[in-house]
């Protein structure tokens, strides 16, 4: 199913914000303002959704999304979410160390 025009516009808006922040402030790292910050924590869930649904992003925004998904804190958060979901379904798993 193709995303609606409104959804495509919203993805493009976020793409533009990410790309602008990276160009203006990202010279000292792979994140919105260079070093990993609270802004990246806020955007991590957006990156996960974009990744899950295969959102089409510019090269710059896609690189930022990938940096977020590769971040050990974000990976640990995703593993914790998977554990919570499995426990809700009666399974028991143990988190492994990331990074």
Foldseek 3Di string as FASTA:
>chain_A
DDDDPVVLVVQVVVLVQQLVQCVPACPQDLESRNDDDVVLVVCLVVLVVCVVVVPDHDPSSVSNSVVSCLDQVSVQVVQVVVQVVVVVVVDHDDDDHGD
